[in-house]
Amino acid sequence: DPRGIYTCEATVGGKESPPLQVHYRMCQNCIEVDAPTISGIVVADVVATVFLAVAVYCITGQDKGRMSRASDRQNLIANEQLYQ
């Protein structure tokens, strides 16, 4: 526990500095995070973001009102009829 009152004392002249009071509060519920943990969190965040972007693209890329592929073909008009 580094809390307390400190003073500096010079060896030459024997002078003392004014007292310095130190307050130190230690975190009781803190977790130390190292570099591999941070990099793992960053990689997981990037993967989740890419997965979410692909999912949104796939869902919004589909036309809900689109008809079946058979209706994509257009019937040609006969030569006797006027061109539309």
N, C-alpha and C. Protein backbone atom coordinates (compact mmCIF):
# COMPACT_ATOMS: atom_id res chain seq x y z
N ASP A 1 0.86 -1.17 0.00
CA ASP A 1 0.00 0.00 0.00
C ASP A 1 0.90 1.23 0.00
N PRO A 2 1.01 1.96 -1.11
CA PRO A 2 1.93 3.10 -1.19
C PRO A 2 1.37 4.40 -0.63
N ARG A 3 0.18 4.38 -0.01
CA ARG A 3 -0.38 5.61 0.54
C ARG A 3 0.43 6.07 1.74
N GLY A 4 0.50 7.38 1.89
CA GLY A 4 1.20 7.92 3.05
C GLY A 4 1.75 9.30 2.78
N ILE A 5 2.54 9.79 3.72
CA ILE A 5 3.18 11.10 3.59
C ILE A 5 4.66 10.87 3.39
N TYR A 6 5.22 11.46 2.33
CA TYR A 6 6.61 11.28 1.97
C TYR A 6 7.33 12.63 2.00
N THR A 7 8.60 12.59 2.33
CA THR A 7 9.46 13.76 2.25
C THR A 7 10.79 13.36 1.64
N CYS A 8 11.43 14.30 0.96
CA CYS A 8 12.75 14.06 0.40
C CYS A 8 13.78 14.71 1.32
N GLU A 9 14.86 13.99 1.55
CA GLU A 9 15.90 14.50 2.44
C GLU A 9 17.21 14.53 1.67
N ALA A 10 17.86 15.68 1.64
CA ALA A 10 19.12 15.83 0.93
C ALA A 10 20.27 15.38 1.83
N THR A 11 21.26 14.71 1.22
CA THR A 11 22.41 14.27 2.01
C THR A 11 23.36 15.44 2.28
N VAL A 12 23.44 16.37 1.36
CA VAL A 12 24.29 17.54 1.55
C VAL A 12 23.42 18.67 2.10
N GLY A 13 23.75 19.17 3.22
CA GLY A 13 23.01 20.28 3.81
C GLY A 13 21.90 19.81 4.73
N GLY A 14 21.45 18.60 4.62
CA GLY A 14 20.44 18.05 5.51
C GLY A 14 19.08 18.71 5.41
N LYS A 15 18.77 19.29 4.27
CA LYS A 15 17.48 19.96 4.09
C LYS A 15 16.39 18.94 3.75
N GLU A 16 15.20 19.19 4.23
CA GLU A 16 14.05 18.34 3.91
C GLU A 16 13.09 19.12 3.02
N SER A 17 12.45 18.43 2.10
CA SER A 17 11.44 19.05 1.24
C SER A 17 10.13 19.11 2.01
N PRO A 18 9.20 19.92 1.53
CA PRO A 18 7.88 19.90 2.17
C PRO A 18 7.25 18.51 2.02
N PRO A 19 6.43 18.11 2.95
CA PRO A 19 5.83 16.76 2.86
C PRO A 19 4.90 16.61 1.66
N LEU A 20 4.90 15.43 1.12
CA LEU A 20 4.06 15.10 -0.03
C LEU A 20 3.14 13.96 0.37
N GLN A 21 1.84 14.21 0.27
CA GLN A 21 0.87 13.19 0.64
C GLN A 21 0.43 12.44 -0.61
N VAL A 22 0.50 11.11 -0.56
CA VAL A 22 0.17 10.27 -1.71
C VAL A 22 -1.10 9.49 -1.40
N HIS A 23 -2.09 9.66 -2.29
CA HIS A 23 -3.32 8.87 -2.23
C HIS A 23 -3.30 7.92 -3.41
N TYR A 24 -3.53 6.66 -3.16
CA TYR A 24 -3.47 5.66 -4.23
C TYR A 24 -4.68 4.77 -4.11
N ARG A 25 -5.44 4.68 -5.18
CA ARG A 25 -6.62 3.83 -5.17
C ARG A 25 -6.40 2.70 -6.17
N MET A 26 -6.53 1.50 -5.73
CA MET A 26 -6.33 0.35 -6.59
C MET A 26 -7.68 -0.20 -7.03
N CYS A 27 -7.77 -0.56 -8.29
CA CYS A 27 -9.01 -1.11 -8.82
C CYS A 27 -9.19 -2.53 -8.30
N GLN A 28 -10.32 -2.80 -7.71
CA GLN A 28 -10.56 -4.12 -7.13
C GLN A 28 -11.16 -5.10 -8.13
N ASN A 29 -11.91 -4.58 -9.12
CA ASN A 29 -12.58 -5.45 -10.09
C ASN A 29 -11.97 -5.35 -11.48
N CYS A 30 -10.73 -4.91 -11.58
CA CYS A 30 -10.09 -4.72 -12.89
C CYS A 30 -9.53 -6.04 -13.41
N ILE A 31 -9.54 -6.17 -14.73
CA ILE A 31 -8.98 -7.34 -15.39
C ILE A 31 -7.87 -6.86 -16.30
N GLU A 32 -6.72 -7.45 -16.20
CA GLU A 32 -5.60 -7.06 -17.04
C GLU A 32 -5.75 -7.74 -18.40
N VAL A 33 -5.66 -6.96 -19.45
CA VAL A 33 -5.84 -7.48 -20.81
C VAL A 33 -4.49 -7.40 -21.53
N ASP A 34 -4.06 -8.54 -22.07
CA ASP A 34 -2.79 -8.55 -22.79
C ASP A 34 -3.02 -8.47 -24.29
N ALA A 35 -1.95 -8.40 -25.06
CA ALA A 35 -2.04 -8.21 -26.51
C ALA A 35 -2.78 -9.33 -27.23
N PRO A 36 -2.56 -10.61 -26.93
CA PRO A 36 -3.33 -11.65 -27.63
C PRO A 36 -4.84 -11.56 -27.39
N THR A 37 -5.23 -11.16 -26.21
CA THR A 37 -6.66 -11.02 -25.92
C THR A 37 -7.26 -9.88 -26.74
N ILE A 38 -6.56 -8.77 -26.81
CA ILE A 38 -7.05 -7.62 -27.59
C ILE A 38 -7.13 -7.99 -29.06
N SER A 39 -6.09 -8.66 -29.58
CA SER A 39 -6.12 -9.04 -31.00
C SER A 39 -7.23 -10.04 -31.27
N GLY A 40 -7.51 -10.94 -30.35
CA GLY A 40 -8.62 -11.87 -30.51
C GLY A 40 -9.96 -11.17 -30.56
N ILE A 41 -10.12 -10.16 -29.72
CA ILE A 41 -11.36 -9.39 -29.71
C ILE A 41 -11.52 -8.64 -31.03
N VAL A 42 -10.44 -8.05 -31.53
CA VAL A 42 -10.50 -7.30 -32.79
C VAL A 42 -10.83 -8.24 -33.95
N VAL A 43 -10.18 -9.40 -34.01
CA VAL A 43 -10.45 -10.36 -35.10
C VAL A 43 -11.89 -10.85 -35.03
N ALA A 44 -12.38 -11.16 -33.85
CA ALA A 44 -13.76 -11.62 -33.72
C ALA A 44 -14.75 -10.52 -34.14
N ASP A 45 -14.44 -9.28 -33.83
CA ASP A 45 -15.30 -8.17 -34.23
C ASP A 45 -15.33 -8.01 -35.75
N VAL A 46 -14.17 -8.14 -36.38
CA VAL A 46 -14.11 -8.02 -37.85
C VAL A 46 -14.88 -9.16 -38.51
N VAL A 47 -14.70 -10.38 -38.02
CA VAL A 47 -15.40 -11.54 -38.59
C VAL A 47 -16.91 -11.37 -38.41
N ALA A 48 -17.35 -10.93 -37.25
CA ALA A 48 -18.78 -10.73 -37.01
C ALA A 48 -19.34 -9.64 -37.92
N THR A 49 -18.57 -8.58 -38.14
CA THR A 49 -19.03 -7.49 -39.01
C THR A 49 -19.16 -7.97 -40.45
N VAL A 50 -18.18 -8.74 -40.93
CA VAL A 50 -18.24 -9.27 -42.30
C VAL A 50 -19.42 -10.22 -42.45
N PHE A 51 -19.61 -11.09 -41.47
CA PHE A 51 -20.74 -12.03 -41.50
C PHE A 51 -22.07 -11.28 -41.55
N LEU A 52 -22.20 -10.24 -40.74
CA LEU A 52 -23.43 -9.46 -40.73
C LEU A 52 -23.64 -8.73 -42.05
N ALA A 53 -22.56 -8.20 -42.64
CA ALA A 53 -22.67 -7.50 -43.92
C ALA A 53 -23.10 -8.45 -45.03
N VAL A 54 -22.54 -9.66 -45.05
CA VAL A 54 -22.92 -10.66 -46.06
C VAL A 54 -24.37 -11.07 -45.88
N ALA A 55 -24.79 -11.24 -44.63
CA ALA A 55 -26.18 -11.63 -44.37
C ALA A 55 -27.15 -10.54 -44.84
N VAL A 56 -26.84 -9.29 -44.56
CA VAL A 56 -27.70 -8.20 -45.00
C VAL A 56 -27.73 -8.12 -46.51
N TYR A 57 -26.57 -8.30 -47.16
CA TYR A 57 -26.51 -8.26 -48.62
C TYR A 57 -27.35 -9.38 -49.24
N CYS A 58 -27.25 -10.57 -48.67
CA CYS A 58 -28.02 -11.70 -49.21
C CYS A 58 -29.52 -11.51 -49.01
N ILE A 59 -29.91 -10.97 -47.89
CA ILE A 59 -31.33 -10.80 -47.62
C ILE A 59 -31.92 -9.68 -48.48
N THR A 60 -31.23 -8.56 -48.59
CA THR A 60 -31.76 -7.44 -49.35
C THR A 60 -31.55 -7.58 -50.84
N GLY A 61 -30.70 -8.49 -51.27
CA GLY A 61 -30.43 -8.66 -52.69
C GLY A 61 -31.52 -9.42 -53.41
N GLN A 62 -32.40 -10.07 -52.71
CA GLN A 62 -33.46 -10.85 -53.33
C GLN A 62 -34.69 -9.97 -53.54
N ASP A 63 -35.25 -10.04 -54.75
CA ASP A 63 -36.48 -9.30 -55.04
C ASP A 63 -37.66 -10.13 -54.56
N LYS A 64 -38.46 -9.56 -53.70
CA LYS A 64 -39.60 -10.30 -53.16
C LYS A 64 -40.74 -10.39 -54.16
N GLY A 65 -40.89 -9.41 -55.01
CA GLY A 65 -42.00 -9.39 -55.95
C GLY A 65 -41.67 -10.03 -57.28
N ARG A 66 -40.55 -10.64 -57.40
CA ARG A 66 -40.13 -11.21 -58.68
C ARG A 66 -40.93 -12.47 -59.02
N MET A 67 -41.29 -12.62 -60.29
CA MET A 67 -42.05 -13.79 -60.72
C MET A 67 -41.10 -14.94 -61.01
N SER A 68 -41.65 -16.06 -61.34
CA SER A 68 -40.82 -17.23 -61.63
C SER A 68 -40.03 -17.01 -62.91
N ARG A 69 -39.02 -17.85 -63.13
CA ARG A 69 -38.15 -17.69 -64.30
C ARG A 69 -38.90 -17.94 -65.61
N ALA A 70 -39.96 -18.71 -65.59
CA ALA A 70 -40.72 -18.97 -66.81
C ALA A 70 -41.37 -17.69 -67.32
N SER A 71 -41.70 -16.78 -66.45
CA SER A 71 -42.36 -15.56 -66.88
C SER A 71 -41.36 -14.52 -67.39
N ASP A 72 -40.06 -14.82 -67.32
CA ASP A 72 -39.06 -13.89 -67.84
C ASP A 72 -39.05 -13.87 -69.37
N ARG A 73 -39.56 -14.92 -69.97
CA ARG A 73 -39.57 -14.99 -71.43
C ARG A 73 -40.76 -14.20 -71.97
N GLN A 74 -40.48 -13.43 -72.97
CA GLN A 74 -41.54 -12.61 -73.56
C GLN A 74 -42.00 -13.28 -74.85
N ASN A 75 -43.29 -13.35 -75.01
CA ASN A 75 -43.82 -13.93 -76.24
C ASN A 75 -43.63 -12.94 -77.38
N LEU A 76 -43.11 -13.44 -78.47
CA LEU A 76 -42.91 -12.59 -79.64
C LEU A 76 -44.22 -12.41 -80.38
N ILE A 77 -44.39 -11.24 -80.98
CA ILE A 77 -45.63 -10.99 -81.71
C ILE A 77 -45.49 -11.57 -83.13
N ALA A 78 -46.61 -11.94 -83.69
CA ALA A 78 -46.59 -12.51 -85.04
C ALA A 78 -46.29 -11.42 -86.05
N ASN A 79 -45.80 -11.82 -87.24
CA ASN A 79 -45.43 -10.85 -88.27
C ASN A 79 -46.61 -10.05 -88.78
N GLU A 80 -47.81 -10.61 -88.68
CA GLU A 80 -48.97 -9.90 -89.19
C GLU A 80 -49.39 -8.77 -88.27
N GLN A 81 -49.04 -8.85 -87.03
CA GLN A 81 -49.47 -7.83 -86.08
C GLN A 81 -48.51 -6.63 -86.13
N LEU A 82 -49.02 -5.53 -85.70
CA LEU A 82 -48.20 -4.33 -85.65
C LEU A 82 -47.14 -4.47 -84.55
N TYR A 83 -46.01 -3.83 -84.81
CA TYR A 83 -44.95 -3.84 -83.80
C TYR A 83 -45.36 -2.94 -82.65
N GLN A 84 -45.21 -3.42 -81.48
CA GLN A 84 -45.61 -2.62 -80.31
C GLN A 84 -44.40 -1.94 -79.73
